[in-house]
């Protein structure tokens, strides 16, 4: 159990580095995402093929998985665009809006009742984003891109929930990223025409190092840590722990890039509202999980 908790926190720590690496890599957001997915898919294919963990899917089965993979590709493009046009701190703060979009869209997509407490907590987060957007005008483009990133992240989470009850996570992960990579490859010529890169489309030496770290450690290793943790720890605890991911990124951005020097007091007011929402959400999920476990014992 102790090893599982260590792996879980290492996974969250690695997740916090994705925004930092997005800032360090000089490639634009489209190329960055394409290379991340390419290296990740290659690594996953070698790993899962060696273990015999990949299962063949029919076209009908692969189609919804692949479309979900295209959504995660769009999420990453907009997430890194938010970082490029603003900074890593803004990117992960906007990512907190995922809960807001999930609270709005999940009841519509899976046809369940709206949860008033989820909506209330999400509105607190939305208020924090509004404060930052309203007062920090220099980051408005980055914030708008970050909002779209959160929207795609919410859609990915909702559709992925429906898939994981039908297929094993290894197969889903490989097909999502593989087909998402194909979709991004088809769009890439148009993307590069509309948003021409400042330099070469090929990564330089340091960019290659950062991309390999992003793919191998912050994607593949993170996934393995998370899956190993889930064998000993409940999904509820894992999801709760991942709510602290933005904190890691913000702290790292302050230390490495001194981004705290670029932010005015209104940012911290907005950030405080967002963190209050996250903490209240964690408390809510904790008590709901505790209640369901007690109900299970009583049964």
C-alpha atoms as a PDB file:
ATOM      1  CA  UNK A   1       0.000   0.000   0.000  1.00  0.00           C
ATOM      2  CA  UNK A   2       2.846   2.406   0.852  1.00  0.00           C
ATOM      3  CA  UNK A   3       4.467   1.759  -2.545  1.00  0.00           C
ATOM      4  CA  UNK A   4       1.131   2.438  -4.279  1.00  0.00           C
ATOM      5  CA  UNK A   5       0.759   5.804  -2.543  1.00  0.00           C
ATOM      6  CA  UNK A   6       4.324   6.758  -3.490  1.00  0.00           C
ATOM      7  CA  UNK A   7       3.606   5.852  -7.127  1.00  0.00           C
ATOM      8  CA  UNK A   8       0.362   7.847  -7.038  1.00  0.00           C
ATOM      9  CA  UNK A   9       2.080  10.998  -5.802  1.00  0.00           C
ATOM     10  CA  UNK A  10       4.899  10.521  -8.317  1.00  0.00           C
ATOM     11  CA  UNK A  11       2.233  10.352 -11.041  1.00  0.00           C
ATOM     12  CA  UNK A  12       0.681  13.637  -9.855  1.00  0.00           C
ATOM     13  CA  UNK A  13       4.134  15.233  -9.657  1.00  0.00           C
ATOM     14  CA  UNK A  14       4.910  14.123 -13.234  1.00  0.00           C
ATOM     15  CA  UNK A  15       1.547  15.503 -14.364  1.00  0.00           C
ATOM     16  CA  UNK A  16       2.521  18.851 -12.866  1.00  0.00           C
ATOM     17  CA  UNK A  17       5.571  18.923 -15.139  1.00  0.00           C
ATOM     18  CA  UNK A  18       3.549  18.767 -18.394  1.00  0.00           C
ATOM     19  CA  UNK A  19       2.810  22.487 -18.270  1.00  0.00           C
ATOM     20  CA  UNK A  20       6.420  23.304 -17.395  1.00  0.00           C
ATOM     21  CA  UNK A  21       7.724  21.309 -20.359  1.00  0.00           C
ATOM     22  CA  UNK A  22       5.181  23.009 -22.599  1.00  0.00           C
ATOM     23  CA  UNK A  23       6.798  26.299 -21.631  1.00  0.00           C
ATOM     24  CA  UNK A  24      10.349  25.003 -22.190  1.00  0.00           C
ATOM     25  CA  UNK A  25       9.750  23.439 -25.630  1.00  0.00           C
ATOM     26  CA  UNK A  26      10.177  26.051 -28.369  1.00  0.00           C
ATOM     27  CA  UNK A  27       7.948  24.295 -30.941  1.00  0.00           C
ATOM     28  CA  UNK A  28       4.461  25.710 -31.414  1.00  0.00           C
ATOM     29  CA  UNK A  29       1.544  24.005 -29.695  1.00  0.00           C
ATOM     30  CA  UNK A  30       0.483  21.927 -32.722  1.00  0.00           C
ATOM     31  CA  UNK A  31       3.923  20.443 -33.373  1.00  0.00           C
ATOM     32  CA  UNK A  32       4.527  19.968 -29.658  1.00  0.00           C
ATOM     33  CA  UNK A  33       1.341  17.919 -29.324  1.00  0.00           C
ATOM     34  CA  UNK A  34       2.084  15.929 -32.494  1.00  0.00           C
ATOM     35  CA  UNK A  35       5.557  14.912 -31.315  1.00  0.00           C
ATOM     36  CA  UNK A  36       4.278  14.125 -27.825  1.00  0.00           C
ATOM     37  CA  UNK A  37       1.635  11.794 -29.244  1.00  0.00           C
ATOM     38  CA  UNK A  38       4.063  10.240 -31.743  1.00  0.00           C
ATOM     39  CA  UNK A  39       6.689   9.335 -29.140  1.00  0.00           C
ATOM     40  CA  UNK A  40       4.021   8.183 -26.678  1.00  0.00           C
ATOM     41  CA  UNK A  41       2.301   5.911 -29.212  1.00  0.00           C
ATOM     42  CA  UNK A  42       5.629   4.325 -30.208  1.00  0.00           C
ATOM     43  CA  UNK A  43       6.555   3.730 -26.566  1.00  0.00           C
ATOM     44  CA  UNK A  44       3.118   2.308 -25.709  1.00  0.00           C
ATOM     45  CA  UNK A  45       3.156   0.002 -28.740  1.00  0.00           C
ATOM     46  CA  UNK A  46       6.548  -1.442 -27.786  1.00  0.00           C
ATOM     47  CA  UNK A  47       5.543  -1.777 -24.120  1.00  0.00           C
ATOM     48  CA  UNK A  48       2.087  -3.275 -24.624  1.00  0.00           C
ATOM     49  CA  UNK A  49       3.103  -5.441 -27.578  1.00  0.00           C
ATOM     50  CA  UNK A  50       5.935  -6.923 -25.529  1.00  0.00           C
ATOM     51  CA  UNK A  51       3.491  -7.716 -22.735  1.00  0.00           C
ATOM     52  CA  UNK A  52       0.835  -9.010 -25.118  1.00  0.00           C
ATOM     53  CA  UNK A  53      -1.609  -6.486 -23.686  1.00  0.00           C
ATOM     54  CA  UNK A  54      -3.010  -5.059 -26.930  1.00  0.00           C
ATOM     55  CA  UNK A  55      -6.330  -6.363 -28.215  1.00  0.00           C
ATOM     56  CA  UNK A  56      -7.555  -6.040 -31.776  1.00  0.00           C
ATOM     57  CA  UNK A  57     -10.704  -3.971 -32.226  1.00  0.00           C
ATOM     58  CA  UNK A  58     -13.154  -3.811 -35.098  1.00  0.00           C
ATOM     59  CA  UNK A  59     -13.697  -0.530 -36.967  1.00  0.00           C
ATOM     60  CA  UNK A  60     -17.028  -0.048 -35.164  1.00  0.00           C
ATOM     61  CA  UNK A  61     -15.329  -0.507 -31.784  1.00  0.00           C
ATOM     62  CA  UNK A  62     -12.318   1.651 -32.646  1.00  0.00           C
ATOM     63  CA  UNK A  63     -14.319   4.591 -34.039  1.00  0.00           C
ATOM     64  CA  UNK A  64     -15.696   6.043 -30.751  1.00  0.00           C
ATOM     65  CA  UNK A  65     -12.337   5.420 -29.059  1.00  0.00           C
ATOM     66  CA  UNK A  66     -10.523   7.201 -31.885  1.00  0.00           C
ATOM     67  CA  UNK A  67     -12.890  10.175 -31.794  1.00  0.00           C
ATOM     68  CA  UNK A  68     -12.232  10.462 -28.065  1.00  0.00           C
ATOM     69  CA  UNK A  69      -8.520  10.407 -28.887  1.00  0.00           C
ATOM     70  CA  UNK A  70      -9.023  13.322 -31.268  1.00  0.00           C
ATOM     71  CA  UNK A  71     -10.646  15.228 -28.402  1.00  0.00           C
ATOM     72  CA  UNK A  72      -7.610  14.705 -26.142  1.00  0.00           C
ATOM     73  CA  UNK A  73      -5.373  15.858 -29.018  1.00  0.00           C
ATOM     74  CA  UNK A  74      -7.403  19.080 -29.272  1.00  0.00           C
ATOM     75  CA  UNK A  75      -7.210  19.494 -25.495  1.00  0.00           C
ATOM     76  CA  UNK A  76      -3.416  19.290 -25.584  1.00  0.00           C
ATOM     77  CA  UNK A  77      -3.157  21.709 -28.519  1.00  0.00           C
ATOM     78  CA  UNK A  78      -5.278  24.317 -26.744  1.00  0.00           C
ATOM     79  CA  UNK A  79      -3.583  23.660 -23.385  1.00  0.00           C
ATOM     80  CA  UNK A  80      -0.123  24.299 -24.794  1.00  0.00           C
ATOM     81  CA  UNK A  81      -1.415  27.243 -26.825  1.00  0.00           C
ATOM     82  CA  UNK A  82      -2.669  28.771 -23.570  1.00  0.00           C
ATOM     83  CA  UNK A  83       0.797  28.366 -22.078  1.00  0.00           C
ATOM     84  CA  UNK A  84       2.487  29.828 -25.166  1.00  0.00           C
ATOM     85  CA  UNK A  85       0.204  32.887 -25.298  1.00  0.00           C
ATOM     86  CA  UNK A  86       0.201  33.416 -21.517  1.00  0.00           C
ATOM     87  CA  UNK A  87       2.263  31.233 -19.161  1.00  0.00           C
ATOM     88  CA  UNK A  88       2.228  27.847 -17.414  1.00  0.00           C
ATOM     89  CA  UNK A  89       0.389  29.227 -14.386  1.00  0.00           C
ATOM     90  CA  UNK A  90      -2.472  30.617 -16.482  1.00  0.00           C
ATOM     91  CA  UNK A  91      -2.659  27.359 -18.452  1.00  0.00           C
ATOM     92  CA  UNK A  92      -3.205  25.156 -15.400  1.00  0.00           C
ATOM     93  CA  UNK A  93      -5.498  27.669 -13.683  1.00  0.00           C
ATOM     94  CA  UNK A  94      -7.798  27.624 -16.726  1.00  0.00           C
ATOM     95  CA  UNK A  95      -7.618  23.823 -16.663  1.00  0.00           C
ATOM     96  CA  UNK A  96      -9.520  24.033 -13.357  1.00  0.00           C
ATOM     97  CA  UNK A  97     -12.590  24.954 -15.422  1.00  0.00           C
ATOM     98  CA  UNK A  98     -12.798  21.288 -16.473  1.00  0.00           C
ATOM     99  CA  UNK A  99     -15.053  20.640 -13.479  1.00  0.00           C
ATOM    100  CA  UNK A 100     -17.387  23.458 -14.572  1.00  0.00           C
ATOM    101  CA  UNK A 101     -17.792  22.086 -18.082  1.00  0.00           C
ATOM    102  CA  UNK A 102     -18.160  18.546 -16.731  1.00  0.00           C
ATOM    103  CA  UNK A 103     -20.936  19.651 -14.370  1.00  0.00           C
ATOM    104  CA  UNK A 104     -22.757  21.286 -17.291  1.00  0.00           C
ATOM    105  CA  UNK A 105     -22.146  18.741 -20.059  1.00  0.00           C
ATOM    106  CA  UNK A 106     -22.177  15.353 -18.290  1.00  0.00           C
ATOM    107  CA  UNK A 107     -25.882  15.483 -17.323  1.00  0.00           C
ATOM    108  CA  UNK A 108     -26.751  16.404 -20.920  1.00  0.00           C
ATOM    109  CA  UNK A 109     -24.568  13.734 -22.539  1.00  0.00           C
ATOM    110  CA  UNK A 110     -25.299  10.803 -20.229  1.00  0.00           C
ATOM    111  CA  UNK A 111     -28.788  12.033 -19.310  1.00  0.00           C
ATOM    112  CA  UNK A 112     -28.581  12.325 -15.565  1.00  0.00           C
ATOM    113  CA  UNK A 113     -29.871  15.010 -13.236  1.00  0.00           C
ATOM    114  CA  UNK A 114     -27.855  18.163 -12.685  1.00  0.00           C
ATOM    115  CA  UNK A 115     -26.020  18.246  -9.360  1.00  0.00           C
ATOM    116  CA  UNK A 116     -26.656  21.603  -7.671  1.00  0.00           C
ATOM    117  CA  UNK A 117     -23.505  21.369  -5.519  1.00  0.00           C
ATOM    118  CA  UNK A 118     -21.322  20.625  -8.568  1.00  0.00           C
ATOM    119  CA  UNK A 119     -22.766  23.638 -10.369  1.00  0.00           C
ATOM    120  CA  UNK A 120     -22.223  25.881  -7.335  1.00  0.00           C
ATOM    121  CA  UNK A 121     -18.594  24.818  -6.896  1.00  0.00           C
ATOM    122  CA  UNK A 122     -17.971  25.217 -10.605  1.00  0.00           C
ATOM    123  CA  UNK A 123     -19.438  28.736 -10.553  1.00  0.00           C
ATOM    124  CA  UNK A 124     -16.908  29.643  -7.852  1.00  0.00           C
ATOM    125  CA  UNK A 125     -14.144  28.476 -10.193  1.00  0.00           C
ATOM    126  CA  UNK A 126     -15.724  30.431 -13.040  1.00  0.00           C
ATOM    127  CA  UNK A 127     -15.761  33.542 -10.833  1.00  0.00           C
ATOM    128  CA  UNK A 128     -12.029  33.134 -10.192  1.00  0.00           C
ATOM    129  CA  UNK A 129     -11.304  32.836 -13.924  1.00  0.00           C
ATOM    130  CA  UNK A 130     -13.455  35.917 -14.601  1.00  0.00           C
ATOM    131  CA  UNK A 131     -11.488  37.975 -12.079  1.00  0.00           C
ATOM    132  CA  UNK A 132      -8.201  37.007 -13.712  1.00  0.00           C
ATOM    133  CA  UNK A 133      -9.602  37.601 -17.212  1.00  0.00           C
ATOM    134  CA  UNK A 134     -11.154  40.949 -16.309  1.00  0.00           C
ATOM    135  CA  UNK A 135      -8.146  42.450 -14.569  1.00  0.00           C
ATOM    136  CA  UNK A 136      -5.157  40.714 -16.223  1.00  0.00           C
ATOM    137  CA  UNK A 137      -5.778  41.896 -19.802  1.00  0.00           C
ATOM    138  CA  UNK A 138      -2.315  40.854 -21.019  1.00  0.00           C
ATOM    139  CA  UNK A 139      -3.283  37.191 -20.646  1.00  0.00           C
ATOM    140  CA  UNK A 140      -6.730  37.306 -22.264  1.00  0.00           C
ATOM    141  CA  UNK A 141      -5.778  35.343 -25.393  1.00  0.00           C
ATOM    142  CA  UNK A 142      -4.087  32.673 -23.283  1.00  0.00           C
ATOM    143  CA  UNK A 143      -7.116  32.487 -20.986  1.00  0.00           C
ATOM    144  CA  UNK A 144      -9.569  32.072 -23.891  1.00  0.00           C
ATOM    145  CA  UNK A 145      -7.413  29.255 -25.285  1.00  0.00           C
ATOM    146  CA  UNK A 146      -7.220  27.736 -21.811  1.00  0.00           C
ATOM    147  CA  UNK A 147     -11.012  27.770 -21.519  1.00  0.00           C
ATOM    148  CA  UNK A 148     -11.284  25.770 -24.765  1.00  0.00           C
ATOM    149  CA  UNK A 149      -8.641  23.406 -23.395  1.00  0.00           C
ATOM    150  CA  UNK A 150     -10.796  22.791 -20.312  1.00  0.00           C
ATOM    151  CA  UNK A 151     -13.865  22.233 -22.493  1.00  0.00           C
ATOM    152  CA  UNK A 152     -12.126  19.501 -24.489  1.00  0.00           C
ATOM    153  CA  UNK A 153     -10.714  17.981 -21.286  1.00  0.00           C
ATOM    154  CA  UNK A 154     -14.242  17.746 -19.862  1.00  0.00           C
ATOM    155  CA  UNK A 155     -15.570  16.114 -23.040  1.00  0.00           C
ATOM    156  CA  UNK A 156     -12.681  13.629 -22.991  1.00  0.00           C
ATOM    157  CA  UNK A 157     -13.387  12.708 -19.360  1.00  0.00           C
ATOM    158  CA  UNK A 158     -17.100  12.196 -19.991  1.00  0.00           C
ATOM    159  CA  UNK A 159     -16.677  10.032 -23.105  1.00  0.00           C
ATOM    160  CA  UNK A 160     -13.757   8.127 -21.577  1.00  0.00           C
ATOM    161  CA  UNK A 161     -15.925   7.136 -18.599  1.00  0.00           C
ATOM    162  CA  UNK A 162     -18.291   5.380 -20.988  1.00  0.00           C
ATOM    163  CA  UNK A 163     -15.438   3.563 -22.743  1.00  0.00           C
ATOM    164  CA  UNK A 164     -13.596   2.185 -19.720  1.00  0.00           C
ATOM    165  CA  UNK A 165     -16.580   0.048 -18.721  1.00  0.00           C
ATOM    166  CA  UNK A 166     -16.403  -1.716 -22.104  1.00  0.00           C
ATOM    167  CA  UNK A 167     -12.661  -2.093 -22.799  1.00  0.00           C
ATOM    168  CA  UNK A 168      -9.452  -2.454 -20.805  1.00  0.00           C
ATOM    169  CA  UNK A 169      -7.513   0.746 -20.176  1.00  0.00           C
ATOM    170  CA  UNK A 170      -4.370  -0.327 -22.092  1.00  0.00           C
ATOM    171  CA  UNK A 171      -6.315  -0.928 -25.303  1.00  0.00           C
ATOM    172  CA  UNK A 172      -8.280   2.309 -24.904  1.00  0.00           C
ATOM    173  CA  UNK A 173      -5.152   4.366 -24.227  1.00  0.00           C
ATOM    174  CA  UNK A 174      -3.263   3.014 -27.245  1.00  0.00           C
ATOM    175  CA  UNK A 175      -6.151   3.374 -29.700  1.00  0.00           C
ATOM    176  CA  UNK A 176      -7.090   6.824 -28.409  1.00  0.00           C
ATOM    177  CA  UNK A 177      -3.606   8.212 -28.800  1.00  0.00           C
ATOM    178  CA  UNK A 178      -2.895   6.310 -32.013  1.00  0.00           C
ATOM    179  CA  UNK A 179      -6.039   7.426 -33.841  1.00  0.00           C
ATOM    180  CA  UNK A 180      -5.774  10.889 -32.271  1.00  0.00           C
ATOM    181  CA  UNK A 181      -2.261  11.098 -33.743  1.00  0.00           C
ATOM    182  CA  UNK A 182      -3.593  10.133 -37.176  1.00  0.00           C
ATOM    183  CA  UNK A 183      -6.307  12.779 -36.950  1.00  0.00           C
ATOM    184  CA  UNK A 184      -3.796  15.442 -35.934  1.00  0.00           C
ATOM    185  CA  UNK A 185      -1.459  14.357 -38.760  1.00  0.00           C
ATOM    186  CA  UNK A 186      -4.230  14.882 -41.328  1.00  0.00           C
ATOM    187  CA  UNK A 187      -4.913  18.379 -39.955  1.00  0.00           C
ATOM    188  CA  UNK A 188      -1.265  19.354 -39.527  1.00  0.00           C
ATOM    189  CA  UNK A 189      -0.620  20.714 -43.083  1.00  0.00           C
ATOM    190  CA  UNK A 190      -3.601  23.081 -42.729  1.00  0.00           C
ATOM    191  CA  UNK A 191      -2.539  23.995 -39.208  1.00  0.00           C
ATOM    192  CA  UNK A 192       1.022  24.814 -40.269  1.00  0.00           C
ATOM    193  CA  UNK A 193      -0.296  26.876 -43.186  1.00  0.00           C
ATOM    194  CA  UNK A 194      -2.525  28.944 -40.890  1.00  0.00           C
ATOM    195  CA  UNK A 195       0.017  29.120 -38.060  1.00  0.00           C
ATOM    196  CA  UNK A 196       3.479  28.836 -39.642  1.00  0.00           C
ATOM    197  CA  UNK A 197       6.220  27.924 -37.158  1.00  0.00           C
ATOM    198  CA  UNK A 198       8.861  30.506 -36.321  1.00  0.00           C
ATOM    199  CA  UNK A 199      11.688  28.052 -36.951  1.00  0.00           C
ATOM    200  CA  UNK A 200      12.115  24.467 -38.121  1.00  0.00           C
ATOM    201  CA  UNK A 201       9.318  21.916 -37.794  1.00  0.00           C
ATOM    202  CA  UNK A 202      11.951  19.513 -36.475  1.00  0.00           C
ATOM    203  CA  UNK A 203      12.822  19.733 -32.786  1.00  0.00           C
ATOM    204  CA  UNK A 204      16.288  20.886 -31.803  1.00  0.00           C
ATOM    205  CA  UNK A 205      18.512  18.951 -29.415  1.00  0.00           C
ATOM    206  CA  UNK A 206      17.028  20.396 -26.195  1.00  0.00           C
ATOM    207  CA  UNK A 207      13.486  20.248 -27.557  1.00  0.00           C
ATOM    208  CA  UNK A 208      14.041  16.566 -28.340  1.00  0.00           C
ATOM    209  CA  UNK A 209      15.185  15.942 -24.772  1.00  0.00           C
ATOM    210  CA  UNK A 210      12.147  17.764 -23.356  1.00  0.00           C
ATOM    211  CA  UNK A 211       9.774  15.955 -25.738  1.00  0.00           C
ATOM    212  CA  UNK A 212      11.161  12.561 -24.748  1.00  0.00           C
ATOM    213  CA  UNK A 213      10.769  13.454 -21.077  1.00  0.00           C
ATOM    214  CA  UNK A 214       7.209  14.616 -21.780  1.00  0.00           C
ATOM    215  CA  UNK A 215       6.288  11.451 -23.689  1.00  0.00           C
ATOM    216  CA  UNK A 216       8.196   8.790 -21.764  1.00  0.00           C
ATOM    217  CA  UNK A 217       7.993  10.125 -18.217  1.00  0.00           C
ATOM    218  CA  UNK A 218       5.040  12.552 -18.090  1.00  0.00           C
ATOM    219  CA  UNK A 219       2.772  10.370 -20.239  1.00  0.00           C
ATOM    220  CA  UNK A 220       3.845   6.697 -20.333  1.00  0.00           C
ATOM    221  CA  UNK A 221       5.459   6.421 -16.880  1.00  0.00           C
ATOM    222  CA  UNK A 222       2.691   8.562 -15.380  1.00  0.00           C
ATOM    223  CA  UNK A 223       0.116   6.174 -16.851  1.00  0.00           C
ATOM    224  CA  UNK A 224       1.926   3.104 -15.469  1.00  0.00           C
ATOM    225  CA  UNK A 225       2.236   4.668 -11.997  1.00  0.00           C
ATOM    226  CA  UNK A 226      -1.448   5.551 -12.037  1.00  0.00           C
ATOM    227  CA  UNK A 227      -2.524   2.071 -13.163  1.00  0.00           C
ATOM    228  CA  UNK A 228      -0.281   0.400 -10.553  1.00  0.00           C
ATOM    229  CA  UNK A 229      -1.687   2.664  -7.840  1.00  0.00           C
ATOM    230  CA  UNK A 230      -5.229   1.713  -8.852  1.00  0.00           C
ATOM    231  CA  UNK A 231      -4.487  -1.942  -8.057  1.00  0.00           C
ATOM    232  CA  UNK A 232      -4.090  -1.016  -4.366  1.00  0.00           C
ATOM    233  CA  UNK A 233      -5.901   2.312  -4.009  1.00  0.00           C
ATOM    234  CA  UNK A 234      -9.495   3.182  -4.903  1.00  0.00           C
ATOM    235  CA  UNK A 235     -10.275   5.229  -8.011  1.00  0.00           C
ATOM    236  CA  UNK A 236     -11.916   7.750  -5.674  1.00  0.00           C
ATOM    237  CA  UNK A 237      -8.612   8.378  -3.842  1.00  0.00           C
ATOM    238  CA  UNK A 238      -6.657   8.566  -7.110  1.00  0.00           C
ATOM    239  CA  UNK A 239      -9.025  11.154  -8.601  1.00  0.00           C
ATOM    240  CA  UNK A 240      -8.996  13.140  -5.368  1.00  0.00           C
ATOM    241  CA  UNK A 241      -5.185  13.241  -5.321  1.00  0.00           C
ATOM    242  CA  UNK A 242      -4.992  14.402  -8.955  1.00  0.00           C
ATOM    243  CA  UNK A 243      -6.906  17.551  -7.980  1.00  0.00           C
ATOM    244  CA  UNK A 244      -3.618  18.823  -6.535  1.00  0.00           C
ATOM    245  CA  UNK A 245      -1.881  18.707  -9.945  1.00  0.00           C
ATOM    246  CA  UNK A 246      -2.246  22.474 -10.663  1.00  0.00           C
ATOM    247  CA  UNK A 247      -0.555  23.242  -7.340  1.00  0.00           C
ATOM    248  CA  UNK A 248       2.586  21.374  -8.418  1.00  0.00           C
ATOM    249  CA  UNK A 249       2.680  23.209 -11.752  1.00  0.00           C
ATOM    250  CA  UNK A 250       2.159  26.645 -10.214  1.00  0.00           C
ATOM    251  CA  UNK A 251       4.860  26.099  -7.594  1.00  0.00           C
ATOM    252  CA  UNK A 252       7.291  24.815 -10.250  1.00  0.00           C
ATOM    253  CA  UNK A 253       6.459  27.756 -12.559  1.00  0.00           C
ATOM    254  CA  UNK A 254       7.133  30.207  -9.734  1.00  0.00           C
ATOM    255  CA  UNK A 255      10.474  28.546  -8.945  1.00  0.00           C
ATOM    256  CA  UNK A 256      11.729  27.953 -12.506  1.00  0.00           C
ATOM    257  CA  UNK A 257      10.266  30.898 -14.434  1.00  0.00           C
ATOM    258  CA  UNK A 258       9.546  33.411 -11.632  1.00  0.00           C
ATOM    259  CA  UNK A 259       6.027  33.759 -13.021  1.00  0.00           C
ATOM    260  CA  UNK A 260       4.873  35.162  -9.689  1.00  0.00           C
ATOM    261  CA  UNK A 261       6.668  38.380 -10.650  1.00  0.00           C
ATOM    262  CA  UNK A 262       4.441  38.740 -13.743  1.00  0.00           C
ATOM    263  CA  UNK A 263       1.125  38.415 -11.896  1.00  0.00           C
ATOM    264  CA  UNK A 264      -0.828  41.164 -10.173  1.00  0.00           C
ATOM    265  CA  UNK A 265      -2.872  40.870  -6.936  1.00  0.00           C
ATOM    266  CA  UNK A 266      -6.097  40.191  -8.847  1.00  0.00           C
ATOM    267  CA  UNK A 267      -4.614  36.932 -10.084  1.00  0.00           C
ATOM    268  CA  UNK A 268      -4.187  35.732  -6.507  1.00  0.00           C
ATOM    269  CA  UNK A 269      -7.772  36.692  -5.625  1.00  0.00           C
ATOM    270  CA  UNK A 270      -9.023  34.679  -8.592  1.00  0.00           C
ATOM    271  CA  UNK A 271      -6.654  31.809  -7.789  1.00  0.00           C
ATOM    272  CA  UNK A 272      -7.911  31.773  -4.183  1.00  0.00           C
ATOM    273  CA  UNK A 273     -11.495  31.336  -5.400  1.00  0.00           C
ATOM    274  CA  UNK A 274     -10.407  28.480  -7.660  1.00  0.00           C
ATOM    275  CA  UNK A 275      -8.481  26.742  -4.858  1.00  0.00           C
ATOM    276  CA  UNK A 276     -11.460  27.137  -2.494  1.00  0.00           C
ATOM    277  CA  UNK A 277     -13.621  25.450  -5.136  1.00  0.00           C
ATOM    278  CA  UNK A 278     -11.101  22.601  -5.522  1.00  0.00           C
ATOM    279  CA  UNK A 279     -10.828  22.085  -1.748  1.00  0.00           C
ATOM    280  CA  UNK A 280     -14.621  22.088  -1.306  1.00  0.00           C
ATOM    281  CA  UNK A 281     -14.920  19.657  -4.189  1.00  0.00           C
ATOM    282  CA  UNK A 282     -12.343  17.357  -2.579  1.00  0.00           C
ATOM    283  CA  UNK A 283     -14.269  17.474   0.717  1.00  0.00           C
ATOM    284  CA  UNK A 284     -17.519  16.712  -1.125  1.00  0.00           C
ATOM    285  CA  UNK A 285     -16.008  13.754  -2.980  1.00  0.00           C
ATOM    286  CA  UNK A 286     -14.386  12.491   0.243  1.00  0.00           C
ATOM    287  CA  UNK A 287     -17.670  12.398   2.148  1.00  0.00           C
ATOM    288  CA  UNK A 288     -19.542  10.892  -0.800  1.00  0.00           C
ATOM    289  CA  UNK A 289     -16.903   8.166  -1.080  1.00  0.00           C
ATOM    290  CA  UNK A 290     -17.003   7.540   2.644  1.00  0.00           C
ATOM    291  CA  UNK A 291     -20.810   7.322   2.601  1.00  0.00           C
ATOM    292  CA  UNK A 292     -20.814   4.862  -0.320  1.00  0.00           C
ATOM    293  CA  UNK A 293     -18.200   2.664   1.382  1.00  0.00           C
ATOM    294  CA  UNK A 294     -20.246   2.630   4.605  1.00  0.00           C
ATOM    295  CA  UNK A 295     -23.341   1.740   2.609  1.00  0.00           C
ATOM    296  CA  UNK A 296     -21.422  -1.113   0.989  1.00  0.00           C
ATOM    297  CA  UNK A 297     -20.342  -2.446   4.391  1.00  0.00           C
ATOM    298  CA  UNK A 298     -23.881  -2.181   5.706  1.00  0.00           C
ATOM    299  CA  UNK A 299     -25.187  -4.188   2.760  1.00  0.00           C
END
